[in-house]
Amino acid sequence: MFEEAVGKDPQKMIALFDAEIERLRKAQKRKTRQRVVEMALEITHDVKYWTYLQKFFNGRFKRYEQTYTYLVKHQLFGPMKQAK
């Protein structure tokens, strides 16, 4: 399913990520959900995933937070965009 979504229809890919993030939230799989959010941000560049990811920041892993902040600030993933 992921292979079909990648590169063909960005909206399908976003829907796939959203469904998986919600499934993991309900299953209380915080670390796995965080990684899926990271992948969603890295692949789609959708600003909503940056917002989600920031909620995981808690100061425990300062370098991790600094790295993602730097990547987004300098658009190293590409320009951030809003899903339609």
PDB file of N, CA and C in Angstrom:
ATOM      1  N   MET A   1       0.826  -1.191   0.000  1.00  0.00           N
ATOM      2  CA  MET A   1       0.000   0.000   0.000  1.00  0.00           C
ATOM      3  C   MET A   1       0.871   1.255   0.000  1.00  0.00           C
ATOM      4  N   PHE A   2       1.938   1.253   0.813  1.00  0.00           N
ATOM      5  CA  PHE A   2       2.823   2.421   0.864  1.00  0.00           C
ATOM      6  C   PHE A   2       3.479   2.652  -0.493  1.00  0.00           C
ATOM      7  N   GLU A   3       3.938   1.588  -1.124  1.00  0.00           N
ATOM      8  CA  GLU A   3       4.599   1.716  -2.411  1.00  0.00           C
ATOM      9  C   GLU A   3       3.677   2.350  -3.454  1.00  0.00           C
ATOM     10  N   GLU A   4       2.387   2.026  -3.377  1.00  0.00           N
ATOM     11  CA  GLU A   4       1.411   2.591  -4.312  1.00  0.00           C
ATOM     12  C   GLU A   4       1.235   4.087  -4.081  1.00  0.00           C
ATOM     13  N   ALA A   5       1.267   4.496  -2.813  1.00  0.00           N
ATOM     14  CA  ALA A   5       1.005   5.892  -2.474  1.00  0.00           C
ATOM     15  C   ALA A   5       2.190   6.801  -2.772  1.00  0.00           C
ATOM     16  N   VAL A   6       3.388   6.318  -2.584  1.00  0.00           N
ATOM     17  CA  VAL A   6       4.573   7.152  -2.758  1.00  0.00           C
ATOM     18  C   VAL A   6       4.697   7.583  -4.215  1.00  0.00           C
ATOM     19  N   GLY A   7       4.753   8.868  -4.402  1.00  0.00           N
ATOM     20  CA  GLY A   7       4.987   9.417  -5.727  1.00  0.00           C
ATOM     21  C   GLY A   7       3.782   9.485  -6.644  1.00  0.00           C
ATOM     22  N   LYS A   8       2.706   8.839  -6.315  1.00  0.00           N
ATOM     23  CA  LYS A   8       1.551   8.846  -7.211  1.00  0.00           C
ATOM     24  C   LYS A   8       0.514   9.880  -6.784  1.00  0.00           C
ATOM     25  N   ASP A   9       0.062   9.798  -5.559  1.00  0.00           N
ATOM     26  CA  ASP A   9      -0.985  10.690  -5.087  1.00  0.00           C
ATOM     27  C   ASP A   9      -0.646  11.149  -3.673  1.00  0.00           C
ATOM     28  N   PRO A  10      -0.148  12.377  -3.535  1.00  0.00           N
ATOM     29  CA  PRO A  10       0.242  12.866  -2.207  1.00  0.00           C
ATOM     30  C   PRO A  10      -0.889  12.802  -1.181  1.00  0.00           C
ATOM     31  N   GLN A  11      -2.115  12.994  -1.610  1.00  0.00           N
ATOM     32  CA  GLN A  11      -3.231  12.961  -0.665  1.00  0.00           C
ATOM     33  C   GLN A  11      -3.449  11.553  -0.105  1.00  0.00           C
ATOM     34  N   LYS A  12      -3.245  10.528  -0.935  1.00  0.00           N
ATOM     35  CA  LYS A  12      -3.351   9.148  -0.461  1.00  0.00           C
ATOM     36  C   LYS A  12      -2.262   8.854   0.562  1.00  0.00           C
ATOM     37  N   MET A  13      -1.074   9.373   0.291  1.00  0.00           N
ATOM     38  CA  MET A  13       0.043   9.153   1.191  1.00  0.00           C
ATOM     39  C   MET A  13      -0.222   9.827   2.535  1.00  0.00           C
ATOM     40  N   ILE A  14      -0.734  11.044   2.495  1.00  0.00           N
ATOM     41  CA  ILE A  14      -1.056  11.758   3.730  1.00  0.00           C
ATOM     42  C   ILE A  14      -2.147  11.015   4.495  1.00  0.00           C
ATOM     43  N   ALA A  15      -3.151  10.531   3.791  1.00  0.00           N
ATOM     44  CA  ALA A  15      -4.219   9.759   4.440  1.00  0.00           C
ATOM     45  C   ALA A  15      -3.662   8.487   5.073  1.00  0.00           C
ATOM     46  N   LEU A  16      -2.719   7.846   4.396  1.00  0.00           N
ATOM     47  CA  LEU A  16      -2.082   6.639   4.923  1.00  0.00           C
ATOM     48  C   LEU A  16      -1.322   6.950   6.214  1.00  0.00           C
ATOM     49  N   PHE A  17      -0.521   8.018   6.197  1.00  0.00           N
ATOM     50  CA  PHE A  17       0.209   8.416   7.399  1.00  0.00           C
ATOM     51  C   PHE A  17      -0.754   8.783   8.525  1.00  0.00           C
ATOM     52  N   ASP A  18      -1.779   9.559   8.200  1.00  0.00           N
ATOM     53  CA  ASP A  18      -2.741   9.975   9.231  1.00  0.00           C
ATOM     54  C   ASP A  18      -3.414   8.774   9.892  1.00  0.00           C
ATOM     55  N   ALA A  19      -3.809   7.804   9.086  1.00  0.00           N
ATOM     56  CA  ALA A  19      -4.464   6.611   9.625  1.00  0.00           C
ATOM     57  C   ALA A  19      -3.512   5.829  10.532  1.00  0.00           C
ATOM     58  N   GLU A  20      -2.262   5.705  10.118  1.00  0.00           N
ATOM     59  CA  GLU A  20      -1.293   4.956  10.919  1.00  0.00           C
ATOM     60  C   GLU A  20      -0.961   5.696  12.212  1.00  0.00           C
ATOM     61  N   ILE A  21      -0.837   6.997  12.144  1.00  0.00           N
ATOM     62  CA  ILE A  21      -0.575   7.796  13.346  1.00  0.00           C
ATOM     63  C   ILE A  21      -1.723   7.644  14.336  1.00  0.00           C
ATOM     64  N   GLU A  22      -2.935   7.689  13.846  1.00  0.00           N
ATOM     65  CA  GLU A  22      -4.101   7.533  14.723  1.00  0.00           C
ATOM     66  C   GLU A  22      -4.166   6.125  15.315  1.00  0.00           C
ATOM     67  N   ARG A  23      -3.875   5.109  14.500  1.00  0.00           N
ATOM     68  CA  ARG A  23      -3.882   3.733  14.998  1.00  0.00           C
ATOM     69  C   ARG A  23      -2.858   3.561  16.120  1.00  0.00           C
ATOM     70  N   LEU A  24      -1.681   4.120  15.932  1.00  0.00           N
ATOM     71  CA  LEU A  24      -0.629   4.012  16.941  1.00  0.00           C
ATOM     72  C   LEU A  24      -0.958   4.820  18.196  1.00  0.00           C
ATOM     73  N   ARG A  25      -1.650   5.942  18.018  1.00  0.00           N
ATOM     74  CA  ARG A  25      -2.076   6.737  19.182  1.00  0.00           C
ATOM     75  C   ARG A  25      -3.029   5.905  20.038  1.00  0.00           C
ATOM     76  N   LYS A  26      -4.003   5.283  19.395  1.00  0.00           N
ATOM     77  CA  LYS A  26      -4.976   4.458  20.118  1.00  0.00           C
ATOM     78  C   LYS A  26      -4.312   3.257  20.783  1.00  0.00           C
ATOM     79  N   ALA A  27      -3.286   2.718  20.143  1.00  0.00           N
ATOM     80  CA  ALA A  27      -2.570   1.559  20.683  1.00  0.00           C
ATOM     81  C   ALA A  27      -1.526   1.971  21.729  1.00  0.00           C
ATOM     82  N   GLN A  28      -1.402   3.262  21.952  1.00  0.00           N
ATOM     83  CA  GLN A  28      -0.451   3.815  22.920  1.00  0.00           C
ATOM     84  C   GLN A  28       0.988   3.391  22.599  1.00  0.00           C
ATOM     85  N   LYS A  29       1.322   3.453  21.334  1.00  0.00           N
ATOM     86  CA  LYS A  29       2.668   3.131  20.853  1.00  0.00           C
ATOM     87  C   LYS A  29       3.393   4.446  20.542  1.00  0.00           C
ATOM     88  N   ARG A  30       3.770   5.162  21.579  1.00  0.00           N
ATOM     89  CA  ARG A  30       4.318   6.512  21.453  1.00  0.00           C
ATOM     90  C   ARG A  30       5.583   6.567  20.591  1.00  0.00           C
ATOM     91  N   LYS A  31       6.539   5.702  20.860  1.00  0.00           N
ATOM     92  CA  LYS A  31       7.807   5.759  20.122  1.00  0.00           C
ATOM     93  C   LYS A  31       7.612   5.421  18.649  1.00  0.00           C
ATOM     94  N   THR A  32       6.813   4.420  18.376  1.00  0.00           N
ATOM     95  CA  THR A  32       6.556   4.046  16.989  1.00  0.00           C
ATOM     96  C   THR A  32       5.783   5.153  16.284  1.00  0.00           C
ATOM     97  N   ARG A  33       4.817   5.726  16.973  1.00  0.00           N
ATOM     98  CA  ARG A  33       4.039   6.835  16.402  1.00  0.00           C
ATOM     99  C   ARG A  33       4.949   8.018  16.089  1.00  0.00           C
ATOM    100  N   GLN A  34       5.874   8.297  16.981  1.00  0.00           N
ATOM    101  CA  GLN A  34       6.804   9.396  16.761  1.00  0.00           C
ATOM    102  C   GLN A  34       7.617   9.160  15.484  1.00  0.00           C
ATOM    103  N   ARG A  35       8.076   7.942  15.296  1.00  0.00           N
ATOM    104  CA  ARG A  35       8.869   7.642  14.096  1.00  0.00           C
ATOM    105  C   ARG A  35       8.037   7.772  12.837  1.00  0.00           C
ATOM    106  N   VAL A  36       6.769   7.371  12.896  1.00  0.00           N
ATOM    107  CA  VAL A  36       5.887   7.521  11.731  1.00  0.00           C
ATOM    108  C   VAL A  36       5.671   9.002  11.434  1.00  0.00           C
ATOM    109  N   VAL A  37       5.523   9.813  12.469  1.00  0.00           N
ATOM    110  CA  VAL A  37       5.384  11.264  12.272  1.00  0.00           C
ATOM    111  C   VAL A  37       6.650  11.819  11.621  1.00  0.00           C
ATOM    112  N   GLU A  38       7.806  11.370  12.074  1.00  0.00           N
ATOM    113  CA  GLU A  38       9.067  11.810  11.471  1.00  0.00           C
ATOM    114  C   GLU A  38       9.102  11.456   9.984  1.00  0.00           C
ATOM    115  N   MET A  39       8.737  10.228   9.670  1.00  0.00           N
ATOM    116  CA  MET A  39       8.732   9.800   8.260  1.00  0.00           C
ATOM    117  C   MET A  39       7.742  10.625   7.451  1.00  0.00           C
ATOM    118  N   ALA A  40       6.577  10.870   8.018  1.00  0.00           N
ATOM    119  CA  ALA A  40       5.563  11.664   7.314  1.00  0.00           C
ATOM    120  C   ALA A  40       6.098  13.060   7.013  1.00  0.00           C
ATOM    121  N   LEU A  41       6.760  13.675   7.981  1.00  0.00           N
ATOM    122  CA  LEU A  41       7.341  15.002   7.775  1.00  0.00           C
ATOM    123  C   LEU A  41       8.420  14.958   6.700  1.00  0.00           C
ATOM    124  N   GLU A  42       9.298  13.978   6.790  1.00  0.00           N
ATOM    125  CA  GLU A  42      10.418  13.884   5.856  1.00  0.00           C
ATOM    126  C   GLU A  42       9.968  13.607   4.426  1.00  0.00           C
ATOM    127  N   ILE A  43       8.891  12.875   4.269  1.00  0.00           N
ATOM    128  CA  ILE A  43       8.429  12.493   2.931  1.00  0.00           C
ATOM    129  C   ILE A  43       7.474  13.524   2.336  1.00  0.00           C
ATOM    130  N   THR A  44       6.531  14.018   3.149  1.00  0.00           N
ATOM    131  CA  THR A  44       5.497  14.914   2.604  1.00  0.00           C
ATOM    132  C   THR A  44       5.833  16.391   2.737  1.00  0.00           C
ATOM    133  N   HIS A  45       6.686  16.746   3.703  1.00  0.00           N
ATOM    134  CA  HIS A  45       7.019  18.146   4.013  1.00  0.00           C
ATOM    135  C   HIS A  45       5.788  18.918   4.473  1.00  0.00           C
ATOM    136  N   ASP A  46       4.770  18.218   4.928  1.00  0.00           N
ATOM    137  CA  ASP A  46       3.529  18.859   5.373  1.00  0.00           C
ATOM    138  C   ASP A  46       3.729  19.452   6.760  1.00  0.00           C
ATOM    139  N   VAL A  47       3.392  20.715   6.900  1.00  0.00           N
ATOM    140  CA  VAL A  47       3.610  21.445   8.148  1.00  0.00           C
ATOM    141  C   VAL A  47       2.852  20.813   9.322  1.00  0.00           C
ATOM    142  N   LYS A  48       1.753  20.121   9.070  1.00  0.00           N
ATOM    143  CA  LYS A  48       1.006  19.519  10.186  1.00  0.00           C
ATOM    144  C   LYS A  48       1.844  18.451  10.895  1.00  0.00           C
ATOM    145  N   TYR A  49       2.703  17.756  10.151  1.00  0.00           N
ATOM    146  CA  TYR A  49       3.544  16.744  10.793  1.00  0.00           C
ATOM    147  C   TYR A  49       4.643  17.390  11.630  1.00  0.00           C
ATOM    148  N   TRP A  50       5.085  18.568  11.246  1.00  0.00           N
ATOM    149  CA  TRP A  50       6.037  19.317  12.067  1.00  0.00           C
ATOM    150  C   TRP A  50       5.356  19.704  13.382  1.00  0.00           C
ATOM    151  N   THR A  51       4.115  20.132  13.310  1.00  0.00           N
ATOM    152  CA  THR A  51       3.349  20.471  14.510  1.00  0.00           C
ATOM    153  C   THR A  51       3.192  19.249  15.404  1.00  0.00           C
ATOM    154  N   TYR A  52       2.871  18.105  14.814  1.00  0.00           N
ATOM    155  CA  TYR A  52       2.747  16.860  15.584  1.00  0.00           C
ATOM    156  C   TYR A  52       4.069  16.495  16.251  1.00  0.00           C
ATOM    157  N   LEU A  53       5.151  16.590  15.480  1.00  0.00           N
ATOM    158  CA  LEU A  53       6.452  16.183  15.996  1.00  0.00           C
ATOM    159  C   LEU A  53       6.885  17.057  17.171  1.00  0.00           C
ATOM    160  N   GLN A  54       6.598  18.322  17.107  1.00  0.00           N
ATOM    161  CA  GLN A  54       6.975  19.222  18.192  1.00  0.00           C
ATOM    162  C   GLN A  54       6.324  18.834  19.511  1.00  0.00           C
ATOM    163  N   LYS A  55       5.179  18.192  19.453  1.00  0.00           N
ATOM    164  CA  LYS A  55       4.500  17.744  20.673  1.00  0.00           C
ATOM    165  C   LYS A  55       5.276  16.636  21.381  1.00  0.00           C
ATOM    166  N   PHE A  56       6.145  15.952  20.653  1.00  0.00           N
ATOM    167  CA  PHE A  56       6.965  14.903  21.255  1.00  0.00           C
ATOM    168  C   PHE A  56       8.192  15.475  21.966  1.00  0.00           C
ATOM    169  N   PHE A  57       8.540  16.718  21.647  1.00  0.00           N
ATOM    170  CA  PHE A  57       9.723  17.327  22.247  1.00  0.00           C
ATOM    171  C   PHE A  57       9.457  17.592  23.728  1.00  0.00           C
ATOM    172  N   ASN A  58      10.355  17.152  24.567  1.00  0.00           N
ATOM    173  CA  ASN A  58      10.166  17.329  26.004  1.00  0.00           C
ATOM    174  C   ASN A  58      11.451  17.747  26.710  1.00  0.00           C
ATOM    175  N   GLY A  59      12.481  18.062  25.950  1.00  0.00           N
ATOM    176  CA  GLY A  59      13.736  18.489  26.543  1.00  0.00           C
ATOM    177  C   GLY A  59      14.675  17.356  26.918  1.00  0.00           C
ATOM    178  N   ARG A  60      14.218  16.124  26.879  1.00  0.00           N
ATOM    179  CA  ARG A  60      15.067  14.985  27.249  1.00  0.00           C
ATOM    180  C   ARG A  60      16.136  14.703  26.198  1.00  0.00           C
ATOM    181  N   PHE A  61      15.796  14.958  24.947  1.00  0.00           N
ATOM    182  CA  PHE A  61      16.718  14.677  23.844  1.00  0.00           C
ATOM    183  C   PHE A  61      16.972  15.979  23.086  1.00  0.00           C
ATOM    184  N   LYS A  62      17.746  16.844  23.711  1.00  0.00           N
ATOM    185  CA  LYS A  62      17.947  18.188  23.191  1.00  0.00           C
ATOM    186  C   LYS A  62      18.519  18.191  21.774  1.00  0.00           C
ATOM    187  N   ARG A  63      19.499  17.346  21.512  1.00  0.00           N
ATOM    188  CA  ARG A  63      20.112  17.308  20.177  1.00  0.00           C
ATOM    189  C   ARG A  63      19.095  16.895  19.108  1.00  0.00           C
ATOM    190  N   TYR A  64      18.253  15.945  19.445  1.00  0.00           N
ATOM    191  CA  TYR A  64      17.190  15.499  18.534  1.00  0.00           C
ATOM    192  C   TYR A  64      16.283  16.680  18.178  1.00  0.00           C
ATOM    193  N   GLU A  65      15.849  17.403  19.193  1.00  0.00           N
ATOM    194  CA  GLU A  65      14.978  18.556  18.978  1.00  0.00           C
ATOM    195  C   GLU A  65      15.688  19.632  18.165  1.00  0.00           C
ATOM    196  N   GLN A  66      16.945  19.895  18.504  1.00  0.00           N
ATOM    197  CA  GLN A  66      17.710  20.908  17.780  1.00  0.00           C
ATOM    198  C   GLN A  66      17.902  20.515  16.316  1.00  0.00           C
ATOM    199  N   THR A  67      18.145  19.250  16.087  1.00  0.00           N
ATOM    200  CA  THR A  67      18.362  18.782  14.719  1.00  0.00           C
ATOM    201  C   THR A  67      17.124  18.989  13.864  1.00  0.00           C
ATOM    202  N   TYR A  68      15.970  18.548  14.350  1.00  0.00           N
ATOM    203  CA  TYR A  68      14.744  18.713  13.572  1.00  0.00           C
ATOM    204  C   TYR A  68      14.393  20.181  13.401  1.00  0.00           C
ATOM    205  N   THR A  69      14.588  20.992  14.428  1.00  0.00           N
ATOM    206  CA  THR A  69      14.309  22.422  14.324  1.00  0.00           C
ATOM    207  C   THR A  69      15.193  23.051  13.250  1.00  0.00           C
ATOM    208  N   TYR A  70      16.466  22.686  13.249  1.00  0.00           N
ATOM    209  CA  TYR A  70      17.401  23.202  12.254  1.00  0.00           C
ATOM    210  C   TYR A  70      16.986  22.779  10.841  1.00  0.00           C
ATOM    211  N   LEU A  71      16.671  21.500  10.672  1.00  0.00           N
ATOM    212  CA  LEU A  71      16.278  20.981   9.359  1.00  0.00           C
ATOM    213  C   LEU A  71      15.059  21.707   8.806  1.00  0.00           C
ATOM    214  N   VAL A  72      14.074  21.940   9.660  1.00  0.00           N
ATOM    215  CA  VAL A  72      12.851  22.614   9.215  1.00  0.00           C
ATOM    216  C   VAL A  72      13.128  24.097   8.955  1.00  0.00           C
ATOM    217  N   LYS A  73      13.828  24.736   9.875  1.00  0.00           N
ATOM    218  CA  LYS A  73      14.114  26.177   9.741  1.00  0.00           C
ATOM    219  C   LYS A  73      14.848  26.481   8.436  1.00  0.00           C
ATOM    220  N   HIS A  74      15.786  25.641   8.071  1.00  0.00           N
ATOM    221  CA  HIS A  74      16.592  25.860   6.873  1.00  0.00           C
ATOM    222  C   HIS A  74      16.072  25.097   5.655  1.00  0.00           C
ATOM    223  N   GLN A  75      14.870  24.563   5.782  1.00  0.00           N
ATOM    224  CA  GLN A  75      14.173  23.866   4.698  1.00  0.00           C
ATOM    225  C   GLN A  75      15.021  22.768   4.054  1.00  0.00           C
ATOM    226  N   LEU A  76      15.726  22.022   4.878  1.00  0.00           N
ATOM    227  CA  LEU A  76      16.562  20.950   4.354  1.00  0.00           C
ATOM    228  C   LEU A  76      15.747  19.730   3.927  1.00  0.00           C
ATOM    229  N   PHE A  77      14.490  19.662   4.355  1.00  0.00           N
ATOM    230  CA  PHE A  77      13.573  18.639   3.841  1.00  0.00           C
ATOM    231  C   PHE A  77      12.932  19.135   2.551  1.00  0.00           C
ATOM    232  N   GLY A  78      13.060  20.412   2.290  1.00  0.00           N
ATOM    233  CA  GLY A  78      12.356  21.078   1.195  1.00  0.00           C
ATOM    234  C   GLY A  78      11.383  22.053   1.830  1.00  0.00           C
ATOM    235  N   PRO A  79      10.736  22.854   1.011  1.00  0.00           N
ATOM    236  CA  PRO A  79       9.793  23.823   1.567  1.00  0.00           C
ATOM    237  C   PRO A  79       8.618  23.135   2.248  1.00  0.00           C
ATOM    238  N   MET A  80       8.239  23.656   3.390  1.00  0.00           N
ATOM    239  CA  MET A  80       7.085  23.118   4.114  1.00  0.00           C
ATOM    240  C   MET A  80       5.828  23.555   3.375  1.00  0.00           C
ATOM    241  N   LYS A  81       4.846  22.676   3.391  1.00  0.00           N
ATOM    242  CA  LYS A  81       3.598  22.997   2.703  1.00  0.00           C
ATOM    243  C   LYS A  81       2.417  22.504   3.512  1.00  0.00           C
ATOM    244  N   GLN A  82       1.280  23.008   3.191  1.00  0.00           N
ATOM    245  CA  GLN A  82       0.022  22.665   3.828  1.00  0.00           C
ATOM    246  C   GLN A  82      -0.722  21.713   2.894  1.00  0.00           C
ATOM    247  N   ALA A  83      -1.190  20.596   3.429  1.00  0.00           N
ATOM    248  CA  ALA A  83      -1.977  19.664   2.603  1.00  0.00           C
ATOM    249  C   ALA A  83      -3.275  20.344   2.181  1.00  0.00           C
ATOM    250  N   LYS A  84      -3.740  19.998   0.993  1.00  0.00           N
ATOM    251  CA  LYS A  84      -4.981  20.600   0.481  1.00  0.00           C
ATOM    252  C   LYS A  84      -6.169  19.765   0.836  1.00  0.00           C
TER     253      LYS A  84
END
